[in-house]
N, C-alpha and C. Protein backbone atom coordinates (compact mmCIF):
# COMPACT_ATOMS: atom_id res chain seq x y z
N MET A 1 -31.93 -1.18 5.21
CA MET A 1 -32.70 -1.88 4.52
C MET A 1 -32.76 -1.79 3.12
N SER A 2 -32.17 -3.03 2.74
CA SER A 2 -31.77 -3.83 0.65
C SER A 2 -33.24 -3.70 0.41
N THR A 3 -33.97 -2.47 -0.13
CA THR A 3 -35.01 -2.84 -1.21
C THR A 3 -34.41 -3.97 -2.52
N LEU A 4 -33.76 -3.88 -3.17
CA LEU A 4 -33.26 -4.63 -4.56
C LEU A 4 -31.94 -5.36 -4.24
N SER A 5 -32.31 -6.49 -4.54
CA SER A 5 -31.55 -7.49 -4.61
C SER A 5 -30.09 -7.59 -5.65
N ARG A 6 -29.13 -8.26 -5.59
CA ARG A 6 -28.54 -7.87 -6.42
C ARG A 6 -28.86 -9.18 -7.80
N ASP A 7 -29.46 -9.88 -7.19
CA ASP A 7 -30.77 -10.61 -8.27
C ASP A 7 -31.28 -10.44 -9.00
N GLU A 8 -32.13 -9.15 -8.18
CA GLU A 8 -33.06 -8.59 -9.43
C GLU A 8 -32.16 -7.47 -10.18
N VAL A 9 -31.34 -6.73 -10.00
CA VAL A 9 -30.42 -5.56 -10.93
C VAL A 9 -29.85 -6.78 -11.89
N ALA A 10 -29.52 -7.89 -11.71
CA ALA A 10 -28.97 -8.81 -12.93
C ALA A 10 -30.54 -9.17 -13.57
N ARG A 11 -31.47 -9.65 -13.25
CA ARG A 11 -32.29 -9.65 -14.14
C ARG A 11 -32.41 -8.92 -14.87
N VAL A 12 -32.86 -7.12 -14.36
CA VAL A 12 -33.07 -5.96 -15.40
C VAL A 12 -32.03 -5.79 -15.72
N ALA A 13 -30.81 -6.13 -16.02
CA ALA A 13 -29.67 -5.92 -16.72
C ALA A 13 -29.71 -7.22 -18.16
N ALA A 14 -30.15 -7.92 -17.20
CA ALA A 14 -30.57 -8.96 -18.46
C ALA A 14 -31.44 -8.60 -19.41
N LEU A 15 -32.78 -8.21 -19.12
CA LEU A 15 -33.48 -7.80 -20.09
C LEU A 15 -33.46 -6.73 -20.64
N ALA A 16 -32.87 -5.63 -20.44
CA ALA A 16 -32.07 -4.52 -21.22
C ALA A 16 -31.19 -4.84 -21.77
N ARG A 17 -30.61 -6.46 -21.75
CA ARG A 17 -29.10 -6.96 -22.66
C ARG A 17 -27.85 -6.43 -22.04
N ILE A 18 -28.24 -5.84 -20.96
CA ILE A 18 -26.80 -5.17 -20.73
C ILE A 18 -26.30 -6.58 -19.76
N ASP A 19 -24.84 -6.61 -20.39
CA ASP A 19 -23.74 -7.53 -19.46
C ASP A 19 -22.82 -6.41 -18.45
N LEU A 20 -23.36 -7.09 -17.16
CA LEU A 20 -22.87 -6.69 -16.03
C LEU A 20 -21.79 -7.46 -15.54
N THR A 21 -20.31 -7.34 -14.49
CA THR A 21 -19.66 -8.37 -14.18
C THR A 21 -20.30 -8.77 -13.22
N PRO A 22 -19.63 -9.56 -12.40
CA PRO A 22 -19.92 -9.78 -10.71
C PRO A 22 -20.65 -8.51 -9.66
N THR A 23 -18.86 -7.71 -9.72
CA THR A 23 -18.47 -6.40 -9.46
C THR A 23 -19.33 -5.01 -9.72
N GLU A 24 -19.65 -5.77 -10.94
CA GLU A 24 -20.75 -3.92 -11.26
C GLU A 24 -22.01 -4.29 -10.50
N LEU A 25 -22.54 -5.63 -10.55
CA LEU A 25 -23.92 -5.76 -10.33
C LEU A 25 -23.90 -5.77 -8.71
N ASP A 26 -22.99 -5.98 -7.82
CA ASP A 26 -22.77 -5.64 -6.47
C ASP A 26 -22.71 -4.31 -6.72
N ARG A 27 -22.09 -3.27 -7.42
CA ARG A 27 -21.80 -1.78 -6.71
C ARG A 27 -23.42 -0.84 -7.20
N LEU A 28 -23.70 -2.03 -8.65
CA LEU A 28 -25.23 -1.15 -8.79
C LEU A 28 -26.09 -1.09 -7.88
N ALA A 29 -26.50 -2.70 -7.70
CA ALA A 29 -27.63 -3.19 -6.02
C ALA A 29 -27.55 -1.93 -5.20
N GLY A 30 -26.33 -1.53 -4.87
CA GLY A 30 -25.82 -0.27 -3.74
C GLY A 30 -26.47 1.11 -4.05
N GLU A 31 -26.01 1.23 -5.22
CA GLU A 31 -26.11 2.49 -5.93
C GLU A 31 -27.93 2.72 -5.84
N LEU A 32 -28.71 1.62 -6.87
CA LEU A 32 -29.93 1.69 -6.88
C LEU A 32 -30.64 1.48 -5.83
N ASP A 33 -29.98 0.75 -4.41
CA ASP A 33 -30.78 1.14 -3.07
C ASP A 33 -30.97 2.27 -3.20
N VAL A 34 -29.84 2.85 -2.73
CA VAL A 34 -29.60 4.42 -2.39
C VAL A 34 -30.58 5.40 -3.58
N ILE A 35 -31.10 5.44 -5.01
CA ILE A 35 -31.83 5.90 -5.87
C ILE A 35 -33.31 5.73 -5.25
N VAL A 36 -33.55 4.19 -4.77
CA VAL A 36 -34.80 4.28 -4.51
C VAL A 36 -35.37 4.31 -2.73
N GLU A 37 -34.64 4.32 -2.37
CA GLU A 37 -34.60 4.83 -0.83
C GLU A 37 -34.81 6.62 -1.23
N SER A 38 -34.36 7.39 -1.75
CA SER A 38 -34.08 8.96 -1.77
C SER A 38 -35.52 9.09 -2.74
N VAL A 39 -35.75 8.15 -3.71
CA VAL A 39 -37.69 8.96 -4.16
C VAL A 39 -38.61 8.01 -2.77
N ALA A 40 -38.33 7.11 -1.97
CA ALA A 40 -39.55 6.77 -0.94
C ALA A 40 -39.48 8.23 -0.25
N ARG A 41 -38.15 8.59 -0.16
CA ARG A 41 -38.02 9.98 1.26
C ARG A 41 -38.84 11.04 0.69
N VAL A 42 -38.62 11.32 -0.87
CA VAL A 42 -39.32 12.87 -1.28
C VAL A 42 -40.93 12.10 -1.20
N SER A 43 -41.59 11.05 -1.36
CA SER A 43 -42.72 11.01 -2.01
C SER A 43 -43.27 11.17 -0.62
N GLU A 44 -42.43 10.28 0.73
CA GLU A 44 -43.16 10.88 1.95
C GLU A 44 -43.81 12.22 2.33
N VAL A 45 -42.90 13.15 1.46
CA VAL A 45 -43.13 14.94 2.10
C VAL A 45 -43.87 15.32 0.68
N ALA A 46 -44.04 14.46 -0.12
CA ALA A 46 -45.37 15.42 -1.37
C ALA A 46 -46.67 14.50 -0.89
N THR A 47 -47.36 15.46 -0.73
CA THR A 47 -48.35 15.59 0.34
C THR A 47 -49.33 16.71 -1.47
N PRO A 48 -50.68 16.10 -1.12
CA PRO A 48 -51.34 17.08 -1.82
C PRO A 48 -51.46 18.32 -2.02
N ASP A 49 -51.06 19.06 -1.00
CA ASP A 49 -50.92 20.52 -0.47
C ASP A 49 -49.47 20.79 -1.02
N VAL A 50 -48.79 20.05 -1.77
CA VAL A 50 -47.54 20.64 -2.32
C VAL A 50 -47.66 20.50 -3.48
N PRO A 51 -47.52 21.50 -4.54
CA PRO A 51 -47.52 21.53 -5.56
C PRO A 51 -46.33 20.48 -6.61
N ALA A 52 -46.58 19.79 -7.71
CA ALA A 52 -45.47 19.16 -8.58
C ALA A 52 -44.33 19.92 -8.62
N THR A 53 -43.41 19.67 -8.96
CA THR A 53 -41.97 20.77 -9.92
C THR A 53 -41.82 19.70 -10.61
N SER A 54 -41.26 21.08 -11.61
CA SER A 54 -40.00 19.89 -12.91
C SER A 54 -38.86 20.80 -12.95
N HIS A 55 -38.70 21.33 -11.61
CA HIS A 55 -37.44 22.74 -12.25
C HIS A 55 -37.91 23.45 -10.58
N PRO A 56 -36.41 23.29 -10.14
CA PRO A 56 -36.04 24.11 -8.34
C PRO A 56 -36.89 25.79 -8.77
N LEU A 57 -36.23 26.10 -9.76
CA LEU A 57 -36.15 27.52 -9.69
C LEU A 57 -37.25 27.96 -11.20
N PRO A 58 -38.15 29.30 -10.49
CA PRO A 58 -39.03 29.59 -12.10
C PRO A 58 -38.30 29.62 -13.51
N MET A 59 -39.02 28.91 -14.54
CA MET A 59 -38.15 29.00 -15.77
C MET A 59 -39.16 29.47 -16.82
N THR A 60 -38.29 30.76 -17.83
CA THR A 60 -39.34 31.21 -18.49
C THR A 60 -38.53 31.11 -19.98
N ASN A 61 -39.67 31.44 -20.64
CA ASN A 61 -39.55 31.04 -22.06
C ASN A 61 -38.21 31.92 -22.96
N VAL A 62 -37.17 31.51 -23.59
CA VAL A 62 -35.50 32.45 -23.77
C VAL A 62 -35.74 32.17 -25.17
N PHE A 63 -36.42 31.60 -26.07
CA PHE A 63 -36.51 31.69 -27.62
C PHE A 63 -37.53 32.99 -27.76
N ARG A 64 -36.89 32.90 -29.33
CA ARG A 64 -37.49 34.30 -29.94
C ARG A 64 -38.82 34.02 -30.51
N SER A 65 -39.53 35.56 -30.77
CA SER A 65 -40.59 35.72 -31.18
C SER A 65 -40.99 34.81 -32.48
N ASP A 66 -41.83 33.99 -32.93
CA ASP A 66 -41.75 33.03 -34.19
C ASP A 66 -42.55 34.14 -35.28
N VAL A 67 -41.26 34.55 -35.73
CA VAL A 67 -42.04 35.57 -36.53
C VAL A 67 -41.74 35.32 -38.29
N PRO A 68 -42.86 35.42 -38.85
CA PRO A 68 -42.56 34.79 -40.03
C PRO A 68 -41.84 35.95 -41.24
N GLU A 69 -40.51 35.54 -42.14
CA GLU A 69 -39.35 36.32 -42.42
C GLU A 69 -39.27 35.51 -44.02
N GLN A 70 -38.81 36.62 -45.08
CA GLN A 70 -38.41 35.89 -46.38
C GLN A 70 -37.47 34.63 -46.08
N PRO A 71 -37.64 34.11 -47.03
CA PRO A 71 -36.53 32.59 -47.05
C PRO A 71 -35.74 33.08 -47.82
N LEU A 72 -34.09 32.78 -47.91
CA LEU A 72 -33.23 32.79 -48.45
C LEU A 72 -33.33 32.17 -50.11
N THR A 73 -32.64 33.08 -50.74
CA THR A 73 -32.62 32.83 -52.32
C THR A 73 -31.83 31.94 -52.03
N GLN A 74 -31.98 30.90 -53.39
CA GLN A 74 -31.12 29.94 -53.42
C GLN A 74 -29.52 30.05 -53.39
N GLU A 75 -29.45 31.77 -54.01
CA GLU A 75 -27.95 32.08 -54.16
C GLU A 75 -27.56 31.97 -52.45
N GLN A 76 -28.71 32.81 -52.19
CA GLN A 76 -27.53 32.82 -50.76
C GLN A 76 -27.46 31.99 -49.90
N ALA A 77 -28.21 30.74 -49.67
CA ALA A 77 -28.54 29.52 -49.21
C ALA A 77 -27.09 28.88 -50.14
N LEU A 78 -26.63 28.73 -50.93
CA LEU A 78 -25.76 27.93 -51.84
C LEU A 78 -24.11 28.99 -51.24
N SER A 79 -24.30 30.07 -51.22
CA SER A 79 -23.55 31.13 -51.08
C SER A 79 -22.35 30.60 -50.22
N GLY A 80 -22.14 30.07 -48.57
CA GLY A 80 -21.05 29.59 -47.80
C GLY A 80 -20.90 27.99 -47.99
N ALA A 81 -21.45 27.35 -49.43
CA ALA A 81 -21.39 26.09 -49.41
C ALA A 81 -19.91 25.75 -50.20
N PRO A 82 -19.18 24.80 -49.61
CA PRO A 82 -17.72 25.14 -50.03
C PRO A 82 -17.78 24.96 -52.05
N ALA A 83 -18.87 24.00 -51.99
CA ALA A 83 -19.34 23.79 -53.94
C ALA A 83 -19.98 23.11 -53.56
N SER A 84 -20.92 23.78 -54.76
CA SER A 84 -22.31 23.28 -55.58
C SER A 84 -22.28 23.30 -57.44
N GLU A 85 -23.01 22.62 -57.10
CA GLU A 85 -23.64 22.40 -58.75
C GLU A 85 -25.22 22.64 -59.58
N ASP A 86 -25.52 22.91 -60.15
CA ASP A 86 -26.77 23.00 -60.77
C ASP A 86 -28.24 23.58 -59.74
N GLY A 87 -27.33 24.41 -58.87
CA GLY A 87 -28.33 25.23 -57.36
C GLY A 87 -28.22 24.13 -56.55
N LYS A 88 -27.81 23.23 -56.28
CA LYS A 88 -27.89 22.25 -55.19
C LYS A 88 -26.19 22.29 -54.82
N PHE A 89 -26.46 21.42 -53.18
CA PHE A 89 -24.89 21.45 -52.67
C PHE A 89 -24.34 20.07 -53.43
N LEU A 90 -23.18 20.39 -53.36
CA LEU A 90 -22.14 19.70 -54.23
C LEU A 90 -21.39 18.87 -53.05
N VAL A 91 -21.62 17.48 -52.67
CA VAL A 91 -21.43 16.61 -51.92
C VAL A 91 -20.25 15.50 -51.90
N PRO A 92 -19.18 14.93 -51.38
CA PRO A 92 -18.41 13.75 -51.94
C PRO A 92 -19.32 12.33 -51.72
N GLN A 93 -19.38 11.39 -52.70
CA GLN A 93 -20.18 10.73 -53.07
C GLN A 93 -19.38 9.60 -52.14
N ILE A 94 -20.59 8.87 -51.26
CA ILE A 94 -20.28 8.24 -50.31
C ILE A 94 -20.26 6.59 -50.29
N LEU A 95 -21.64 6.67 -51.17
CA LEU A 95 -22.52 4.81 -51.29
C LEU A 95 -22.05 4.38 -52.37
N GLY A 96 -20.98 5.06 -53.49
CA GLY A 96 -20.54 4.13 -54.63
C GLY A 96 -21.40 4.47 -55.50
N GLU A 97 -22.70 4.60 -55.34
CA GLU A 97 -23.39 4.55 -56.76
C GLU A 97 -23.31 6.03 -57.61
N GLU A 98 -24.08 5.31 -58.91
CA GLU A 98 -23.74 6.78 -59.61
C GLU A 98 -25.20 7.83 -59.71
């Protein structure tokens, strides 16, 4: 049972300003139909006693603690720069402005 017609896919593509060939419309109609059916199947088993999940495995924060530290000095920040001038990074001019 198809839930998305080729015309519906064409309409959505037009709204998104995506130019699709007739072959792409036919292919995407089938692919999107499979996606819609998969979501419907998941919705059937999603009951109030099944908690919502965002990931199948438990996730833990892998970031380091946010501990304030001394910032780099101007000299330290510029020490790895290929070029500097007047205490600032020196980069090539790209806009043709002075």
